[in-house]
PDB file of N, CA and C in Angstrom:
ATOM      1  N   UNK A   1     123.438 -33.367  36.909  1.00  0.00           N
ATOM      2  CA  UNK A   1     123.860 -32.471  38.123  1.00  0.00           C
ATOM      3  C   UNK A   1     123.923 -33.548  39.215  1.00  0.00           C
ATOM      4  N   UNK A   2     125.123 -33.058  39.977  1.00  0.00           N
ATOM      5  CA  UNK A   2     125.319 -34.239  41.003  1.00  0.00           C
ATOM      6  C   UNK A   2     124.233 -33.809  42.342  1.00  0.00           C
ATOM      7  N   UNK A   3     124.214 -34.618  43.327  1.00  0.00           N
ATOM      8  CA  UNK A   3     123.116 -34.373  44.495  1.00  0.00           C
ATOM      9  C   UNK A   3     123.805 -33.557  45.367  1.00  0.00           C
ATOM     10  N   UNK A   4     124.894 -33.334  45.421  1.00  0.00           N
ATOM     11  CA  UNK A   4     125.246 -32.281  46.195  1.00  0.00           C
ATOM     12  C   UNK A   4     125.081 -30.938  45.499  1.00  0.00           C
ATOM     13  N   UNK A   5     125.065 -30.727  44.130  1.00  0.00           N
ATOM     14  CA  UNK A   5     124.722 -29.591  43.676  1.00  0.00           C
ATOM     15  C   UNK A   5     123.006 -29.241  43.616  1.00  0.00           C
ATOM     16  N   UNK A   6     122.261 -30.263  43.788  1.00  0.00           N
ATOM     17  CA  UNK A   6     121.085 -30.022  43.867  1.00  0.00           C
ATOM     18  C   UNK A   6     120.772 -29.447  45.198  1.00  0.00           C
ATOM     19  N   UNK A   7     121.283 -30.295  46.452  1.00  0.00           N
ATOM     20  CA  UNK A   7     121.380 -29.635  47.340  1.00  0.00           C
ATOM     21  C   UNK A   7     121.447 -28.484  47.862  1.00  0.00           C
ATOM     22  N   UNK A   8     122.652 -27.856  47.076  1.00  0.00           N
ATOM     23  CA  UNK A   8     123.189 -26.745  47.285  1.00  0.00           C
ATOM     24  C   UNK A   8     122.254 -25.835  46.675  1.00  0.00           C
ATOM     25  N   UNK A   9     121.944 -26.070  45.618  1.00  0.00           N
ATOM     26  CA  UNK A   9     120.759 -25.448  44.536  1.00  0.00           C
ATOM     27  C   UNK A   9     119.424 -25.422  45.264  1.00  0.00           C
ATOM     28  N   UNK A  10     119.057 -26.053  46.015  1.00  0.00           N
ATOM     29  CA  UNK A  10     117.651 -26.000  46.777  1.00  0.00           C
ATOM     30  C   UNK A  10     118.098 -25.148  48.071  1.00  0.00           C
ATOM     31  N   UNK A  11     118.968 -25.058  48.610  1.00  0.00           N
ATOM     32  CA  UNK A  11     119.303 -23.968  49.699  1.00  0.00           C
ATOM     33  C   UNK A  11     119.501 -22.820  49.221  1.00  0.00           C
ATOM     34  N   UNK A  12     120.128 -22.425  47.887  1.00  0.00           N
ATOM     35  CA  UNK A  12     120.118 -21.247  47.585  1.00  0.00           C
ATOM     36  C   UNK A  12     118.901 -20.578  46.988  1.00  0.00           C
ATOM     37  N   UNK A  13     118.002 -21.585  46.297  1.00  0.00           N
ATOM     38  CA  UNK A  13     116.769 -20.822  45.829  1.00  0.00           C
ATOM     39  C   UNK A  13     115.520 -20.773  46.505  1.00  0.00           C
ATOM     40  N   UNK A  14     115.898 -21.120  48.067  1.00  0.00           N
ATOM     41  CA  UNK A  14     114.456 -21.275  48.633  1.00  0.00           C
ATOM     42  C   UNK A  14     113.651 -22.261  48.558  1.00  0.00           C
ATOM     43  N   UNK A  15     113.972 -23.318  47.928  1.00  0.00           N
ATOM     44  CA  UNK A  15     113.193 -24.444  47.704  1.00  0.00           C
ATOM     45  C   UNK A  15     113.215 -25.495  49.065  1.00  0.00           C
ATOM     46  N   UNK A  16     112.295 -25.170  49.817  1.00  0.00           N
ATOM     47  CA  UNK A  16     112.449 -25.991  51.002  1.00  0.00           C
ATOM     48  C   UNK A  16     111.988 -27.327  50.758  1.00  0.00           C
ATOM     49  N   UNK A  17     110.766 -27.441  49.896  1.00  0.00           N
ATOM     50  CA  UNK A  17     110.364 -28.923  49.687  1.00  0.00           C
ATOM     51  C   UNK A  17     111.436 -29.793  49.074  1.00  0.00           C
ATOM     52  N   UNK A  18     111.958 -29.310  47.857  1.00  0.00           N
ATOM     53  CA  UNK A  18     113.000 -29.934  47.107  1.00  0.00           C
ATOM     54  C   UNK A  18     114.143 -30.286  48.183  1.00  0.00           C
ATOM     55  N   UNK A  19     114.505 -29.357  48.814  1.00  0.00           N
ATOM     56  CA  UNK A  19     115.573 -29.661  49.924  1.00  0.00           C
ATOM     57  C   UNK A  19     115.380 -30.907  50.714  1.00  0.00           C
ATOM     58  N   UNK A  20     114.012 -30.566  51.302  1.00  0.00           N
ATOM     59  CA  UNK A  20     113.808 -31.803  52.432  1.00  0.00           C
ATOM     60  C   UNK A  20     113.549 -33.182  51.687  1.00  0.00           C
ATOM     61  N   UNK A  21     113.245 -33.306  50.149  1.00  0.00           N
ATOM     62  CA  UNK A  21     113.099 -34.559  49.341  1.00  0.00           C
ATOM     63  C   UNK A  21     114.788 -34.888  49.287  1.00  0.00           C
ATOM     64  N   UNK A  22     115.663 -33.839  48.771  1.00  0.00           N
ATOM     65  CA  UNK A  22     116.966 -34.507  48.734  1.00  0.00           C
ATOM     66  C   UNK A  22     117.615 -34.986  50.233  1.00  0.00           C
ATOM     67  N   UNK A  23     117.226 -34.389  51.122  1.00  0.00           N
ATOM     68  CA  UNK A  23     117.959 -34.780  52.176  1.00  0.00           C
ATOM     69  C   UNK A  23     117.140 -35.970  52.732  1.00  0.00           C
ATOM     70  N   UNK A  24     115.996 -36.299  52.520  1.00  0.00           N
ATOM     71  CA  UNK A  24     115.432 -37.641  52.610  1.00  0.00           C
ATOM     72  C   UNK A  24     116.026 -39.014  51.819  1.00  0.00           C
ATOM     73  N   UNK A  25     116.419 -38.115  50.764  1.00  0.00           N
ATOM     74  CA  UNK A  25     116.921 -39.482  49.902  1.00  0.00           C
ATOM     75  C   UNK A  25     118.351 -39.529  49.901  1.00  0.00           C
ATOM     76  N   UNK A  26     118.905 -39.145  51.406  1.00  0.00           N
ATOM     77  CA  UNK A  26     120.333 -39.045  51.635  1.00  0.00           C
ATOM     78  C   UNK A  26     121.485 -38.012  50.548  1.00  0.00           C
ATOM     79  N   UNK A  27     120.915 -37.138  50.461  1.00  0.00           N
ATOM     80  CA  UNK A  27     121.583 -36.166  49.476  1.00  0.00           C
ATOM     81  C   UNK A  27     122.609 -35.559  50.570  1.00  0.00           C
ATOM     82  N   UNK A  28     123.764 -35.231  50.038  1.00  0.00           N
ATOM     83  CA  UNK A  28     124.927 -34.581  50.954  1.00  0.00           C
ATOM     84  C   UNK A  28     124.733 -33.355  51.500  1.00  0.00           C
ATOM     85  N   UNK A  29     124.107 -33.301  52.943  1.00  0.00           N
ATOM     86  CA  UNK A  29     124.063 -31.948  53.390  1.00  0.00           C
ATOM     87  C   UNK A  29     125.215 -31.031  53.657  1.00  0.00           C
ATOM     88  N   UNK A  30     126.422 -31.693  53.352  1.00  0.00           N
ATOM     89  CA  UNK A  30     127.220 -30.803  53.723  1.00  0.00           C
ATOM     90  C   UNK A  30     128.272 -30.724  52.059  1.00  0.00           C
ATOM     91  N   UNK A  31     127.880 -30.977  51.251  1.00  0.00           N
ATOM     92  CA  UNK A  31     128.207 -31.293  49.798  1.00  0.00           C
ATOM     93  C   UNK A  31     128.654 -29.607  49.436  1.00  0.00           C
ATOM     94  N   UNK A  32     129.933 -29.962  48.984  1.00  0.00           N
ATOM     95  CA  UNK A  32     130.687 -28.213  48.464  1.00  0.00           C
ATOM     96  C   UNK A  32     130.653 -28.384  47.323  1.00  0.00           C
ATOM     97  N   UNK A  33     130.182 -26.892  46.954  1.00  0.00           N
ATOM     98  CA  UNK A  33     130.328 -26.358  45.288  1.00  0.00           C
ATOM     99  C   UNK A  33     131.867 -26.618  45.175  1.00  0.00           C
ATOM    100  N   UNK A  34     132.269 -26.102  43.919  1.00  0.00           N
ATOM    101  CA  UNK A  34     133.385 -25.994  43.404  1.00  0.00           C
ATOM    102  C   UNK A  34     133.987 -24.653  44.112  1.00  0.00           C
ATOM    103  N   UNK A  35     133.304 -23.773  44.648  1.00  0.00           N
ATOM    104  CA  UNK A  35     133.914 -22.542  45.524  1.00  0.00           C
ATOM    105  C   UNK A  35     133.814 -23.083  46.985  1.00  0.00           C
ATOM    106  N   UNK A  36     133.562 -24.056  47.445  1.00  0.00           N
ATOM    107  CA  UNK A  36     133.779 -24.759  48.587  1.00  0.00           C
ATOM    108  C   UNK A  36     132.293 -24.458  49.709  1.00  0.00           C
ATOM    109  N   UNK A  37     131.404 -24.008  48.906  1.00  0.00           N
ATOM    110  CA  UNK A  37     130.355 -23.487  49.899  1.00  0.00           C
ATOM    111  C   UNK A  37     129.514 -24.753  49.634  1.00  0.00           C
ATOM    112  N   UNK A  38     128.881 -24.766  51.255  1.00  0.00           N
ATOM    113  CA  UNK A  38     128.267 -25.914  51.390  1.00  0.00           C
ATOM    114  C   UNK A  38     126.502 -25.238  51.336  1.00  0.00           C
ATOM    115  N   UNK A  39     125.485 -25.939  51.475  1.00  0.00           N
ATOM    116  CA  UNK A  39     124.419 -25.449  51.412  1.00  0.00           C
ATOM    117  C   UNK A  39     123.939 -24.745  52.322  1.00  0.00           C
ATOM    118  N   UNK A  40     124.500 -24.976  53.571  1.00  0.00           N
ATOM    119  CA  UNK A  40     124.216 -24.148  54.751  1.00  0.00           C
ATOM    120  C   UNK A  40     124.704 -22.793  54.484  1.00  0.00           C
ATOM    121  N   UNK A  41     125.730 -22.477  53.636  1.00  0.00           N
ATOM    122  CA  UNK A  41     126.638 -21.611  53.580  1.00  0.00           C
ATOM    123  C   UNK A  41     125.985 -20.610  52.537  1.00  0.00           C
ATOM    124  N   UNK A  42     125.312 -21.277  51.485  1.00  0.00           N
ATOM    125  CA  UNK A  42     124.597 -20.733  50.720  1.00  0.00           C
ATOM    126  C   UNK A  42     123.208 -20.109  51.250  1.00  0.00           C
ATOM    127  N   UNK A  43     122.469 -20.838  52.073  1.00  0.00           N
ATOM    128  CA  UNK A  43     121.172 -20.322  52.666  1.00  0.00           C
ATOM    129  C   UNK A  43     121.737 -19.135  53.679  1.00  0.00           C
ATOM    130  N   UNK A  44     122.850 -19.453  54.598  1.00  0.00           N
ATOM    131  CA  UNK A  44     122.927 -17.968  55.033  1.00  0.00           C
ATOM    132  C   UNK A  44     123.349 -16.724  54.489  1.00  0.00           C
ATOM    133  N   UNK A  45     124.046 -17.055  53.282  1.00  0.00           N
ATOM    134  CA  UNK A  45     124.308 -15.969  52.484  1.00  0.00           C
ATOM    135  C   UNK A  45     123.292 -15.212  51.789  1.00  0.00           C
ATOM    136  N   UNK A  46     121.996 -16.279  51.524  1.00  0.00           N
ATOM    137  CA  UNK A  46     120.924 -15.394  50.832  1.00  0.00           C
ATOM    138  C   UNK A  46     120.002 -15.046  52.181  1.00  0.00           C
ATOM    139  N   UNK A  47     120.267 -15.302  53.362  1.00  0.00           N
ATOM    140  CA  UNK A  47     119.324 -14.819  54.130  1.00  0.00           C
ATOM    141  C   UNK A  47     118.040 -15.689  54.673  1.00  0.00           C
ATOM    142  N   UNK A  48     118.119 -16.867  53.926  1.00  0.00           N
ATOM    143  CA  UNK A  48     116.886 -17.996  54.064  1.00  0.00           C
ATOM    144  C   UNK A  48     116.585 -18.375  55.327  1.00  0.00           C
ATOM    145  N   UNK A  49     116.048 -17.978  56.453  1.00  0.00           N
ATOM    146  CA  UNK A  49     115.859 -18.465  57.814  1.00  0.00           C
ATOM    147  C   UNK A  49     115.412 -19.982  57.770  1.00  0.00           C
ATOM    148  N   UNK A  50     114.276 -20.039  56.779  1.00  0.00           N
ATOM    149  CA  UNK A  50     113.547 -21.514  56.887  1.00  0.00           C
ATOM    150  C   UNK A  50     114.801 -22.521  56.456  1.00  0.00           C
ATOM    151  N   UNK A  51     115.604 -22.279  55.502  1.00  0.00           N
ATOM    152  CA  UNK A  51     116.529 -23.494  54.987  1.00  0.00           C
ATOM    153  C   UNK A  51     117.547 -23.370  56.092  1.00  0.00           C
ATOM    154  N   UNK A  52     118.342 -22.124  56.717  1.00  0.00           N
ATOM    155  CA  UNK A  52     119.072 -22.706  57.921  1.00  0.00           C
ATOM    156  C   UNK A  52     118.524 -23.364  58.745  1.00  0.00           C
ATOM    157  N   UNK A  53     117.542 -23.061  59.159  1.00  0.00           N
ATOM    158  CA  UNK A  53     117.016 -23.653  60.313  1.00  0.00           C
ATOM    159  C   UNK A  53     117.028 -25.110  60.032  1.00  0.00           C
ATOM    160  N   UNK A  54     116.382 -25.702  59.053  1.00  0.00           N
ATOM    161  CA  UNK A  54     116.360 -26.984  58.485  1.00  0.00           C
ATOM    162  C   UNK A  54     117.674 -27.631  58.324  1.00  0.00           C
ATOM    163  N   UNK A  55     118.538 -26.851  57.866  1.00  0.00           N
ATOM    164  CA  UNK A  55     119.812 -27.483  57.677  1.00  0.00           C
ATOM    165  C   UNK A  55     120.642 -27.925  59.163  1.00  0.00           C
ATOM    166  N   UNK A  56     120.327 -26.853  59.694  1.00  0.00           N
ATOM    167  CA  UNK A  56     120.884 -27.116  61.203  1.00  0.00           C
ATOM    168  C   UNK A  56     119.961 -28.276  61.884  1.00  0.00           C
ATOM    169  N   UNK A  57     118.928 -28.337  61.965  1.00  0.00           N
ATOM    170  CA  UNK A  57     118.314 -29.392  62.104  1.00  0.00           C
ATOM    171  C   UNK A  57     118.559 -30.650  62.006  1.00  0.00           C
ATOM    172  N   UNK A  58     119.064 -30.705  60.709  1.00  0.00           N
ATOM    173  CA  UNK A  58     119.389 -31.991  60.161  1.00  0.00           C
ATOM    174  C   UNK A  58     120.865 -32.160  60.384  1.00  0.00           C
ATOM    175  N   UNK A  59     121.600 -31.594  61.123  1.00  0.00           N
ATOM    176  CA  UNK A  59     123.005 -31.737  61.645  1.00  0.00           C
ATOM    177  C   UNK A  59     123.860 -31.199  60.549  1.00  0.00           C
ATOM    178  N   UNK A  60     123.794 -30.062  59.798  1.00  0.00           N
ATOM    179  CA  UNK A  60     124.865 -29.466  58.617  1.00  0.00           C
ATOM    180  C   UNK A  60     125.826 -29.116  59.473  1.00  0.00           C
ATOM    181  N   UNK A  61     126.920 -29.326  58.971  1.00  0.00           N
ATOM    182  CA  UNK A  61     128.199 -28.939  59.850  1.00  0.00           C
ATOM    183  C   UNK A  61     128.409 -27.556  59.601  1.00  0.00           C
ATOM    184  N   UNK A  62     128.933 -26.880  60.733  1.00  0.00           N
ATOM    185  CA  UNK A  62     128.924 -25.236  60.877  1.00  0.00           C
ATOM    186  C   UNK A  62     130.298 -25.091  60.746  1.00  0.00           C
ATOM    187  N   UNK A  63     131.432 -25.609  60.553  1.00  0.00           N
ATOM    188  CA  UNK A  63     132.499 -25.361  60.644  1.00  0.00           C
ATOM    189  C   UNK A  63     133.491 -25.357  59.700  1.00  0.00           C
ATOM    190  N   UNK A  64     132.611 -26.028  58.540  1.00  0.00           N
ATOM    191  CA  UNK A  64     133.250 -26.115  57.323  1.00  0.00           C
ATOM    192  C   UNK A  64     133.920 -24.896  56.608  1.00  0.00           C
ATOM    193  N   UNK A  65     134.744 -24.592  55.811  1.00  0.00           N
ATOM    194  CA  UNK A  65     135.192 -23.348  55.608  1.00  0.00           C
ATOM    195  C   UNK A  65     135.427 -23.502  53.971  1.00  0.00           C
ATOM    196  N   UNK A  66     134.877 -22.379  53.259  1.00  0.00           N
ATOM    197  CA  UNK A  66     134.811 -22.308  51.872  1.00  0.00           C
ATOM    198  C   UNK A  66     136.158 -22.227  51.357  1.00  0.00           C
ATOM    199  N   UNK A  67     136.509 -22.249  50.062  1.00  0.00           N
ATOM    200  CA  UNK A  67     137.728 -22.157  49.204  1.00  0.00           C
ATOM    201  C   UNK A  67     138.374 -20.772  49.811  1.00  0.00           C
ATOM    202  N   UNK A  68     137.734 -19.695  50.178  1.00  0.00           N
ATOM    203  CA  UNK A  68     138.265 -18.407  50.747  1.00  0.00           C
ATOM    204  C   UNK A  68     138.496 -18.677  52.186  1.00  0.00           C
ATOM    205  N   UNK A  69     138.280 -19.573  52.854  1.00  0.00           N
ATOM    206  CA  UNK A  69     138.778 -19.541  54.243  1.00  0.00           C
ATOM    207  C   UNK A  69     137.338 -19.286  55.054  1.00  0.00           C
ATOM    208  N   UNK A  70     136.212 -19.063  54.378  1.00  0.00           N
ATOM    209  CA  UNK A  70     135.198 -18.476  55.224  1.00  0.00           C
ATOM    210  C   UNK A  70     134.277 -19.424  55.759  1.00  0.00           C
ATOM    211  N   UNK A  71     133.752 -19.025  57.071  1.00  0.00           N
ATOM    212  CA  UNK A  71     132.611 -20.153  57.556  1.00  0.00           C
ATOM    213  C   UNK A  71     131.425 -19.244  57.378  1.00  0.00           C
ATOM    214  N   UNK A  72     130.435 -20.028  58.206  1.00  0.00           N
ATOM    215  CA  UNK A  72     129.273 -19.555  58.085  1.00  0.00           C
ATOM    216  C   UNK A  72     129.071 -18.064  58.474  1.00  0.00           C
ATOM    217  N   UNK A  73     129.743 -17.826  59.761  1.00  0.00           N
ATOM    218  CA  UNK A  73     129.526 -16.509  60.594  1.00  0.00           C
ATOM    219  C   UNK A  73     130.179 -15.475  59.750  1.00  0.00           C
ATOM    220  N   UNK A  74     131.453 -15.619  58.635  1.00  0.00           N
ATOM    221  CA  UNK A  74     131.918 -14.630  58.038  1.00  0.00           C
ATOM    222  C   UNK A  74     130.798 -14.378  56.724  1.00  0.00           C
ATOM    223  N   UNK A  75     129.910 -15.239  56.570  1.00  0.00           N
ATOM    224  CA  UNK A  75     129.236 -15.038  55.447  1.00  0.00           C
ATOM    225  C   UNK A  75     128.170 -14.571  55.556  1.00  0.00           C
ATOM    226  N   UNK A  76     127.534 -14.598  56.883  1.00  0.00           N
ATOM    227  CA  UNK A  76     126.160 -13.949  57.763  1.00  0.00           C
ATOM    228  C   UNK A  76     126.340 -12.337  57.452  1.00  0.00           C
ATOM    229  N   UNK A  77     125.415 -11.768  56.786  1.00  0.00           N
ATOM    230  CA  UNK A  77     125.639 -10.342  56.502  1.00  0.00           C
ATOM    231  C   UNK A  77     124.105  -9.675  57.085  1.00  0.00           C
ATOM    232  N   UNK A  78     123.285 -10.742  57.194  1.00  0.00           N
ATOM    233  CA  UNK A  78     121.959 -10.611  57.495  1.00  0.00           C
ATOM    234  C   UNK A  78     121.908 -10.515  59.242  1.00  0.00           C
ATOM    235  N   UNK A  79     121.313  -9.679  59.816  1.00  0.00           N
ATOM    236  CA  UNK A  79     121.131  -9.629  61.560  1.00  0.00           C
ATOM    237  C   UNK A  79     120.351 -10.479  61.854  1.00  0.00           C
ATOM    238  N   UNK A  80     119.343 -10.879  61.061  1.00  0.00           N
ATOM    239  CA  UNK A  80     118.539 -11.758  61.668  1.00  0.00           C
ATOM    240  C   UNK A  80     118.922 -13.373  61.448  1.00  0.00           C
ATOM    241  N   UNK A  81     119.921 -13.511  60.249  1.00  0.00           N
ATOM    242  CA  UNK A  81     120.637 -14.725  60.321  1.00  0.00           C
ATOM    243  C   UNK A  81     121.650 -14.854  61.448  1.00  0.00           C
ATOM    244  N   UNK A  82     122.513 -13.809  62.071  1.00  0.00           N
ATOM    245  CA  UNK A  82     123.324 -13.875  63.074  1.00  0.00           C
ATOM    246  C   UNK A  82     122.569 -14.025  64.302  1.00  0.00           C
ATOM    247  N   UNK A  83     121.433 -13.499  64.335  1.00  0.00           N
ATOM    248  CA  UNK A  83     120.463 -13.939  65.703  1.00  0.00           C
ATOM    249  C   UNK A  83     119.989 -15.063  65.606  1.00  0.00           C
ATOM    250  N   UNK A  84     119.739 -15.794  64.503  1.00  0.00           N
ATOM    251  CA  UNK A  84     119.433 -17.135  64.333  1.00  0.00           C
ATOM    252  C   UNK A  84     120.513 -18.230  64.647  1.00  0.00           C
ATOM    253  N   UNK A  85     121.806 -17.744  64.328  1.00  0.00           N
ATOM    254  CA  UNK A  85     122.807 -18.904  64.665  1.00  0.00           C
ATOM    255  C   UNK A  85     122.993 -18.707  65.974  1.00  0.00           C
ATOM    256  N   UNK A  86     123.011 -17.357  66.553  1.00  0.00           N
ATOM    257  CA  UNK A  86     123.134 -17.382  68.143  1.00  0.00           C
ATOM    258  C   UNK A  86     122.301 -18.118  69.057  1.00  0.00           C
ATOM    259  N   UNK A  87     120.945 -18.171  68.467  1.00  0.00           N
ATOM    260  CA  UNK A  87     119.783 -19.030  69.155  1.00  0.00           C
ATOM    261  C   UNK A  87     120.153 -20.465  69.199  1.00  0.00           C
ATOM    262  N   UNK A  88     120.918 -20.814  68.064  1.00  0.00           N
ATOM    263  CA  UNK A  88     121.221 -22.290  67.964  1.00  0.00           C
ATOM    264  C   UNK A  88     122.837 -22.394  68.710  1.00  0.00           C
ATOM    265  N   UNK A  89     123.219 -21.335  69.351  1.00  0.00           N
ATOM    266  CA  UNK A  89     124.522 -21.445  70.230  1.00  0.00           C
ATOM    267  C   UNK A  89     125.704 -21.694  69.206  1.00  0.00           C
ATOM    268  N   UNK A  90     125.409 -20.928  68.230  1.00  0.00           N
ATOM    269  CA  UNK A  90     126.641 -21.350  67.095  1.00  0.00           C
ATOM    270  C   UNK A  90     127.381 -20.016  66.952  1.00  0.00           C
ATOM    271  N   UNK A  91     128.687 -20.385  67.302  1.00  0.00           N
ATOM    272  CA  UNK A  91     129.507 -19.329  67.551  1.00  0.00           C
ATOM    273  C   UNK A  91     130.768 -19.270  66.604  1.00  0.00           C
TER     274      UNK A  91
END
């Protein structure tokens, strides 16, 4: 499994400790899956506030689009995630 897939997997599966280890080991914070999703997109889509916060704090890029042209705002279905993005002034 590539480093970018491990980071994406950690983001999707709520493995905050695993994510931290991968980021500390210089894992690609913006690495995209075959569908063009970044770890931040996966965390936003899964409603994982801890991982979303950690990725934002570690400077994950928010403007990236997946293969369907969606950004994190298009993917954010949970109100508490939308509120979190607003707290970080992400529009």
